[in-house]
C-alpha cells in the first residue's frame, strides 16, 4: 500500500485581490517593456474579455490621465461591456476635445450609445426627446462625412429610422449604384427625386422601373406620363402618347383626352374617331362619336362638327338619344337643312 503525501498534492486557488494585483504588475511590466502605442493596439483589438481590457486601460490612464486615445479605447470597451455610465462620462469629455479625430470618434460612439439606450425608454415623450438627440448627432455624422463608407447599409437604415430624407436619398443612390435592378430601392429613390425636384434623376429611375418592374409596368408608364405633363415638355408627351397608343386603346383614350385638355380640338376629335373605329361595343362607340363631335364644337369648328355628325346620321337613326344629339348639333351650328332632313326621316320611319 502506498501512502500519498497530501502536503505535496494541495491545490492553490488565487483570490480576486491577488488576480488584480497580478494584472497591475503585468500592466506595469508591459508599460515598461513595450511601447505605449503597441499596448493600445493590443487592448483595442481585444474582443473577448472586456473586463480584463478595462483593468489594463484604467491603470494606464492613471499614468497618462490626459491621453485621449486611451480614453476613446476605454469608452468603447465600456460600451461593449455594458458599462454605459463610464462610457458616457468619457465620451462627454472627448466631445469637447480640440483633437478633431478624437472628437469625431466620440461623436460616432455617442450615437451608438444613445441609439442603444433609445430602445430601453418606455415613456413616449422621453422617447421623442431621445430621438431628437439622435437626429442631431446623425446630422453631424452625415454632413461632416464621418460615416463609414463601407457600411452604407447601416447609415441608410439610420436615415430611414430618423426619417432624414436628404441623407436617405444620398445613401439610396449609393446602394443603387451597387444594385441597379433593385425595384424597392429604385421606387424609393424615384419618389424622393420627385420630392426634391430632381427631374433628371426622376426620368432615370422611372426608366429603370419600367425595365425591371415588369409586374407594374402599366403603373410606371402612367407615372411617366404624368411626370412628362408636369414637366410641361409637351413635345415629349405627344411622342410618348403616340408610341403607347399604337397598340393600346387605353392609351389612345388618354391621347384623345390629352389633346382635348391641350385644346387641340381637331386632333382630339380625330383620336376619338380612331377609338370609335377600333371599338366594337355599341355604347362605347356612341360615346366616342359624341366626344368627337363635341371636341370640334368646343374649338368653334362648327361646320366640321355638323359634317361629322351628318356622316354618321344613318347609323344612329334608330337611336333616340343619338337623334336628339344630332338635331341639337345641327341647330347649334345653323345647319337647318340637316335638321329638316333628319326630322323628315324620323317622321317617315315613324320613329319617336
Protein backbone atom coordinates (compact mmCIF):
# COMPACT_ATOMS: atom_id res chain seq x y z
CA UNK A 1 0.00 0.00 0.00
CA UNK A 2 1.34 3.43 -0.96
CA UNK A 3 0.97 6.50 1.15
CA UNK A 4 0.05 9.78 -0.62
CA UNK A 5 1.65 12.93 0.73
CA UNK A 6 -1.29 15.37 0.94
CA UNK A 7 1.02 18.30 1.53
CA UNK A 8 2.52 17.83 -1.95
CA UNK A 9 -0.92 17.31 -3.51
CA UNK A 10 -2.55 20.57 -2.21
CA UNK A 11 -4.19 22.82 -4.93
CA UNK A 12 -3.74 26.59 -4.70
CA UNK A 13 -6.62 29.00 -5.56
CA UNK A 14 -5.77 32.67 -6.11
CA UNK A 15 -8.02 35.32 -4.57
CA UNK A 16 -9.60 38.14 -6.58
CA UNK A 17 -7.27 40.68 -4.96
CA UNK A 18 -4.28 38.62 -5.99
CA UNK A 19 -5.56 38.45 -9.56
CA UNK A 20 -5.99 42.22 -9.67
CA UNK A 21 -2.50 42.64 -8.22
CA UNK A 22 -1.16 40.29 -10.90
CA UNK A 23 -2.91 42.34 -13.61
CA UNK A 24 -1.47 45.58 -12.28
CA UNK A 25 2.02 44.13 -12.10
CA UNK A 26 1.61 42.74 -15.58
CA UNK A 27 0.44 46.10 -16.95
CA UNK A 28 3.36 47.89 -15.31
CA UNK A 29 5.78 45.37 -16.81
CA UNK A 30 4.16 45.77 -20.22
CA UNK A 31 4.20 49.53 -19.84
CA UNK A 32 7.93 49.46 -19.13
CA UNK A 33 8.91 46.83 -21.67
CA UNK A 34 6.59 47.74 -24.58
CA UNK A 35 5.83 50.99 -26.37
CA UNK A 36 2.53 52.54 -25.24
CA UNK A 37 1.07 52.59 -28.78
CA UNK A 38 1.60 48.84 -29.06
CA UNK A 39 -0.26 48.32 -25.79
CA UNK A 40 -3.14 50.44 -27.01
CA UNK A 41 -3.32 48.45 -30.21
CA UNK A 42 -3.33 45.14 -28.33
CA UNK A 43 -6.03 46.25 -25.87
CA UNK A 44 -8.22 47.85 -28.54
CA UNK A 45 -8.15 44.61 -30.53
CA UNK A 46 -9.37 42.59 -27.54
CA UNK A 47 -12.88 41.33 -28.32
CA UNK A 48 -13.47 38.56 -25.80
CA UNK A 49 -12.54 39.80 -22.34
CA UNK A 50 -13.63 43.41 -21.99
CA UNK A 51 -13.37 43.41 -18.18
CA UNK A 52 -9.70 42.48 -18.35
CA UNK A 53 -9.04 45.08 -21.03
CA UNK A 54 -10.70 47.76 -18.94
CA UNK A 55 -8.48 46.91 -15.98
CA UNK A 56 -5.42 47.45 -18.15
CA UNK A 57 -6.84 50.69 -19.57
CA UNK A 58 -7.83 52.11 -16.20
CA UNK A 59 -4.35 51.51 -14.88
CA UNK A 60 -2.75 53.02 -17.96
CA UNK A 61 -4.93 56.14 -17.59
CA UNK A 62 -3.60 56.61 -14.05
CA UNK A 63 -0.15 57.04 -15.59
CA UNK A 64 -1.44 59.17 -18.51
CA UNK A 65 -4.69 60.87 -17.34
CA UNK A 66 -4.83 63.22 -20.36
CA UNK A 67 -4.27 60.58 -23.01
CA UNK A 68 -7.41 60.90 -25.15
CA UNK A 69 -6.51 57.88 -27.26
CA UNK A 70 -6.69 55.75 -24.10
CA UNK A 71 -9.99 57.41 -23.17
CA UNK A 72 -11.59 56.58 -26.50
CA UNK A 73 -10.49 52.93 -26.25
CA UNK A 74 -11.81 52.70 -22.69
CA UNK A 75 -15.07 54.38 -23.73
CA UNK A 76 -15.57 51.82 -26.50
CA UNK A 77 -14.65 48.87 -24.27
CA UNK A 78 -17.01 50.21 -21.57
CA UNK A 79 -19.79 50.45 -24.13
CA UNK A 80 -19.20 46.88 -25.32
CA UNK A 81 -19.14 45.56 -21.76
CA UNK A 82 -22.38 47.34 -20.82
CA UNK A 83 -20.78 49.90 -18.51
CA UNK A 84 -22.68 52.77 -20.11
CA UNK A 85 -22.22 55.22 -17.25
CA UNK A 86 -18.44 55.13 -17.62
CA UNK A 87 -18.70 55.31 -21.40
CA UNK A 88 -20.98 58.39 -21.22
CA UNK A 89 -18.61 60.16 -18.83
CA UNK A 90 -15.61 59.57 -21.09
CA UNK A 91 -17.46 60.46 -24.29
CA UNK A 92 -18.80 63.72 -22.84
CA UNK A 93 -15.19 64.69 -22.10
CA UNK A 94 -13.97 63.67 -25.55
CA UNK A 95 -16.80 65.51 -27.32
CA UNK A 96 -15.17 68.73 -26.08
CA UNK A 97 -11.73 67.71 -27.32
CA UNK A 98 -9.72 70.05 -29.52
CA UNK A 99 -8.43 66.98 -31.32
CA UNK A 100 -10.79 66.65 -34.29
CA UNK A 101 -10.15 62.93 -34.76
CA UNK A 102 -10.91 62.15 -31.11
CA UNK A 103 -13.99 64.38 -31.18
CA UNK A 104 -15.32 62.60 -34.28
CA UNK A 105 -14.74 59.15 -32.81
CA UNK A 106 -16.54 60.24 -29.64
CA UNK A 107 -19.43 61.51 -31.76
CA UNK A 108 -19.82 58.15 -33.51
CA UNK A 109 -19.65 56.23 -30.24
CA UNK A 110 -22.14 58.63 -28.62
CA UNK A 111 -24.60 57.94 -31.42
CA UNK A 112 -24.21 54.21 -30.95
CA UNK A 113 -24.66 54.52 -27.19
CA UNK A 114 -27.73 56.74 -27.40
CA UNK A 115 -29.29 54.54 -30.07
CA UNK A 116 -28.89 51.55 -27.77
CA UNK A 117 -30.42 53.49 -24.86
CA UNK A 118 -33.35 54.60 -27.01
CA UNK A 119 -34.87 51.12 -27.11
CA UNK A 120 -34.97 50.91 -23.31
CA UNK A 121 -37.04 54.07 -22.92
CA UNK A 122 -40.71 53.29 -22.22
CA UNK A 123 -42.13 56.80 -21.84
CA UNK A 124 -43.31 58.15 -25.22
CA UNK A 125 -42.35 61.78 -24.54
CA UNK A 126 -38.88 60.78 -23.35
CA UNK A 127 -38.53 58.65 -26.47
CA UNK A 128 -39.29 61.64 -28.68
CA UNK A 129 -36.66 63.71 -26.85
CA UNK A 130 -34.13 60.88 -27.20
CA UNK A 131 -34.89 60.54 -30.90
CA UNK A 132 -34.37 64.25 -31.44
CA UNK A 133 -30.94 64.00 -29.78
CA UNK A 134 -30.13 61.08 -32.09
CA UNK A 135 -31.26 63.13 -35.08
CA UNK A 136 -28.87 65.97 -34.21
CA UNK A 137 -25.98 63.55 -33.75
CA UNK A 138 -26.83 61.83 -37.02
CA UNK A 139 -26.93 65.12 -38.92
CA UNK A 140 -23.43 65.95 -37.66
CA UNK A 141 -22.19 62.50 -38.68
CA UNK A 142 -23.73 62.80 -42.15
CA UNK A 143 -22.86 66.40 -43.00
CA UNK A 144 -19.32 66.03 -41.66
CA UNK A 145 -18.85 62.78 -43.62
CA UNK A 146 -17.96 60.78 -40.50
CA UNK A 147 -19.92 57.66 -41.50
CA UNK A 148 -18.13 54.53 -42.65
CA UNK A 149 -18.16 54.50 -46.47
CA UNK A 150 -18.01 50.70 -46.37
CA UNK A 151 -21.15 50.48 -44.22
CA UNK A 152 -23.66 52.38 -46.34
CA UNK A 153 -26.45 49.92 -45.49
CA UNK A 154 -26.21 50.76 -41.81
CA UNK A 155 -26.33 54.50 -42.34
CA UNK A 156 -29.14 54.21 -44.86
CA UNK A 157 -31.15 52.31 -42.22
CA UNK A 158 -30.36 55.03 -39.70
CA UNK A 159 -31.63 57.69 -42.10
CA UNK A 160 -34.87 55.71 -42.51
CA UNK A 161 -35.19 55.27 -38.74
CA UNK A 162 -34.84 59.04 -38.22
CA UNK A 163 -36.83 59.95 -41.36
CA UNK A 164 -33.94 62.07 -42.63
CA UNK A 165 -34.78 62.32 -46.32
CA UNK A 166 -31.72 64.15 -47.65
CA UNK A 167 -29.24 61.58 -46.29
CA UNK A 168 -31.71 58.83 -47.18
CA UNK A 169 -31.68 59.92 -50.83
CA UNK A 170 -27.90 60.10 -50.87
CA UNK A 171 -27.47 56.62 -49.37
CA UNK A 172 -30.14 55.23 -51.71
CA UNK A 173 -28.13 56.42 -54.70
CA UNK A 174 -25.03 54.74 -53.27
CA UNK A 175 -26.96 51.49 -52.79
CA UNK A 176 -28.49 51.63 -56.29
CA UNK A 177 -25.03 52.08 -57.80
CA UNK A 178 -24.21 48.62 -56.40
CA UNK A 179 -27.61 47.07 -57.11
CA UNK A 180 -29.20 48.91 -60.09
CA UNK A 181 -32.06 46.44 -60.59
CA UNK A 182 -33.38 46.55 -57.01
CA UNK A 183 -37.02 47.57 -57.51
CA UNK A 184 -37.63 48.57 -53.90
CA UNK A 185 -34.63 50.92 -53.86
CA UNK A 186 -35.48 52.36 -57.28
CA UNK A 187 -39.06 53.11 -56.23
CA UNK A 188 -37.95 54.91 -53.06
CA UNK A 189 -35.33 56.89 -54.96
CA UNK A 190 -37.88 57.80 -57.64
CA UNK A 191 -40.38 59.29 -55.18
CA UNK A 192 -37.66 61.16 -53.30
CA UNK A 193 -36.30 62.56 -56.56
CA UNK A 194 -39.77 63.96 -57.29
CA UNK A 195 -39.97 65.41 -53.79
CA UNK A 196 -36.60 67.14 -54.30
CA UNK A 197 -37.47 68.25 -57.87
CA UNK A 198 -34.57 66.27 -59.32
CA UNK A 199 -36.19 65.79 -62.72
CA UNK A 200 -33.20 64.14 -64.41
CA UNK A 201 -33.00 61.60 -61.61
CA UNK A 202 -36.76 61.01 -61.81
CA UNK A 203 -36.51 60.21 -65.51
CA UNK A 204 -33.58 57.88 -64.89
CA UNK A 205 -35.31 55.98 -62.10
CA UNK A 206 -38.66 55.62 -63.84
CA UNK A 207 -36.95 54.21 -66.92
CA UNK A 208 -35.23 51.63 -64.73
CA UNK A 209 -38.54 50.83 -63.01
CA UNK A 210 -40.27 50.31 -66.36
CA UNK A 211 -37.45 47.98 -67.36
CA UNK A 212 -37.18 45.89 -64.20
CA UNK A 213 -40.60 46.08 -62.53
CA UNK A 214 -42.50 44.31 -65.32
CA UNK A 215 -45.34 43.31 -62.98
CA UNK A 216 -46.23 47.00 -62.53
CA UNK A 217 -45.19 48.32 -65.92
CA UNK A 218 -48.59 49.96 -66.51
CA UNK A 219 -48.27 51.90 -63.26
CA UNK A 220 -44.84 53.22 -64.17
CA UNK A 221 -46.00 54.10 -67.70
CA UNK A 222 -48.80 56.15 -66.17
CA UNK A 223 -46.41 57.79 -63.69
CA UNK A 224 -44.07 58.60 -66.56
CA UNK A 225 -46.96 60.16 -68.47
CA UNK A 226 -47.99 62.46 -65.60
CA UNK A 227 -44.36 63.29 -64.89
CA UNK A 228 -43.95 64.43 -68.51
CA UNK A 229 -47.11 66.53 -68.28
CA UNK A 230 -45.90 68.16 -65.06
CA UNK A 231 -42.59 68.94 -66.75
CA UNK A 232 -44.57 70.78 -69.49
CA UNK A 233 -42.42 69.14 -72.13
CA UNK A 234 -45.39 68.71 -74.45
CA UNK A 235 -43.38 67.50 -77.42
CA UNK A 236 -42.16 64.57 -75.33
CA UNK A 237 -45.69 63.96 -74.01
CA UNK A 238 -47.04 63.67 -77.54
CA UNK A 239 -44.19 61.44 -78.65
CA UNK A 240 -44.80 59.21 -75.63
CA UNK A 241 -48.55 59.05 -76.32
CA UNK A 242 -48.09 58.24 -79.98
CA UNK A 243 -45.80 55.36 -79.09
CA UNK A 244 -48.05 53.94 -76.36
CA UNK A 245 -51.34 54.38 -78.26
CA UNK A 246 -50.28 52.34 -81.29
CA UNK A 247 -51.33 49.05 -79.72
CA UNK A 248 -53.39 50.18 -76.74
CA UNK A 249 -56.96 51.51 -76.67
CA UNK A 250 -56.37 52.65 -73.10
CA UNK A 251 -53.51 54.90 -74.21
CA UNK A 252 -55.40 56.01 -77.33
CA UNK A 253 -58.14 57.19 -74.95
CA UNK A 254 -55.56 59.09 -72.87
CA UNK A 255 -54.15 60.54 -76.07
CA UNK A 256 -57.57 61.87 -77.11
CA UNK A 257 -58.24 63.28 -73.62
CA UNK A 258 -54.79 64.88 -73.59
CA UNK A 259 -55.37 66.73 -76.89
CA UNK A 260 -58.75 67.88 -75.61
CA UNK A 261 -57.10 69.19 -72.44
CA UNK A 262 -54.48 70.98 -74.54
CA UNK A 263 -57.30 72.47 -76.66
CA UNK A 264 -56.01 70.76 -79.79
CA UNK A 265 -59.65 70.15 -80.71
CA UNK A 266 -59.23 68.78 -84.22
CA UNK A 267 -56.56 66.35 -83.05
CA UNK A 268 -58.76 65.28 -80.15
CA UNK A 269 -61.72 64.69 -82.45
CA UNK A 270 -59.54 62.62 -84.78
CA UNK A 271 -58.37 60.44 -81.85
CA UNK A 272 -61.94 59.86 -80.65
CA UNK A 273 -62.94 58.73 -84.15
CA UNK A 274 -59.94 56.36 -84.17
CA UNK A 275 -61.25 54.93 -80.90
CA UNK A 276 -64.72 54.69 -82.45
CA UNK A 277 -63.34 52.64 -85.34
CA UNK A 278 -61.33 50.34 -83.05
CA UNK A 279 -64.20 49.64 -80.64
CA UNK A 280 -66.93 47.03 -81.08
CA UNK A 281 -69.12 47.86 -78.08
CA UNK A 282 -72.08 49.96 -79.27
CA UNK A 283 -72.39 52.14 -76.15
CA UNK A 284 -68.68 52.96 -76.11
CA UNK A 285 -68.70 53.68 -79.85
CA UNK A 286 -71.56 56.14 -79.43
CA UNK A 287 -69.71 57.83 -76.57
CA UNK A 288 -66.59 58.29 -78.71
CA UNK A 289 -68.68 59.63 -81.60
CA UNK A 290 -70.36 62.23 -79.37
CA UNK A 291 -66.99 63.27 -77.90
CA UNK A 292 -65.52 63.64 -81.38
CA UNK A 293 -68.33 65.98 -82.45
CA UNK A 294 -68.25 67.98 -79.20
CA UNK A 295 -64.49 68.44 -79.45
CA UNK A 296 -64.97 70.21 -82.79
CA UNK A 297 -67.77 72.31 -81.32
CA UNK A 298 -65.52 73.26 -78.38
CA UNK A 299 -62.93 74.52 -80.85
CA UNK A 300 -65.64 76.50 -82.69
CA UNK A 301 -65.22 74.29 -85.75
CA UNK A 302 -68.97 74.42 -86.31
CA UNK A 303 -69.08 73.38 -89.97
CA UNK A 304 -66.75 70.44 -89.34
CA UNK A 305 -68.77 69.29 -86.32
CA UNK A 306 -72.02 69.31 -88.34
CA UNK A 307 -70.36 67.43 -91.22
CA UNK A 308 -69.03 64.78 -88.85
CA UNK A 309 -72.43 64.36 -87.20
CA UNK A 310 -74.15 64.10 -90.60
CA UNK A 311 -71.67 61.45 -91.76
CA UNK A 312 -72.89 59.06 -89.02
CA UNK A 313 -76.55 60.10 -89.13
CA UNK A 314 -77.94 56.95 -90.75
CA UNK A 315 -76.06 54.71 -88.35
CA UNK A 316 -77.80 56.35 -85.38
CA UNK A 317 -81.24 56.95 -86.94
CA UNK A 318 -82.83 54.30 -84.70
CA UNK A 319 -81.19 55.59 -81.50
CA UNK A 320 -83.49 58.15 -79.85
CA UNK A 321 -80.76 59.68 -77.69
CA UNK A 322 -78.39 59.94 -80.65
CA UNK A 323 -81.11 61.53 -82.85
CA UNK A 324 -81.70 64.22 -80.24
CA UNK A 325 -77.97 64.87 -80.09
CA UNK A 326 -77.74 65.17 -83.90
CA UNK A 327 -80.64 67.62 -84.05
CA UNK A 328 -79.08 69.80 -81.32
CA UNK A 329 -75.78 69.83 -83.24
CA UNK A 330 -77.48 70.89 -86.49
CA UNK A 331 -79.46 73.63 -84.80
CA UNK A 332 -76.49 74.90 -82.78
CA UNK A 333 -74.32 75.14 -85.90
CA UNK A 334 -77.05 76.75 -88.03
CA UNK A 335 -77.40 73.75 -90.34
CA UNK A 336 -81.17 73.96 -90.67
CA UNK A 337 -81.22 71.84 -93.84
CA UNK A 338 -79.59 68.94 -91.99
CA UNK A 339 -82.05 69.38 -89.11
CA UNK A 340 -85.00 69.42 -91.51
CA UNK A 341 -83.85 66.34 -93.42
CA UNK A 342 -83.32 64.41 -90.21
CA UNK A 343 -86.78 65.38 -88.93
CA UNK A 344 -88.38 64.13 -92.17
CA UNK A 345 -86.51 60.80 -91.88
CA UNK A 346 -87.77 60.40 -88.34
CA UNK A 347 -91.40 61.06 -89.36
CA UNK A 348 -91.18 58.87 -92.43
CA UNK A 349 -89.97 55.92 -90.41
CA UNK A 350 -92.44 56.53 -87.63
CA UNK A 351 -89.75 56.99 -85.03
CA UNK A 352 -90.33 58.84 -81.81
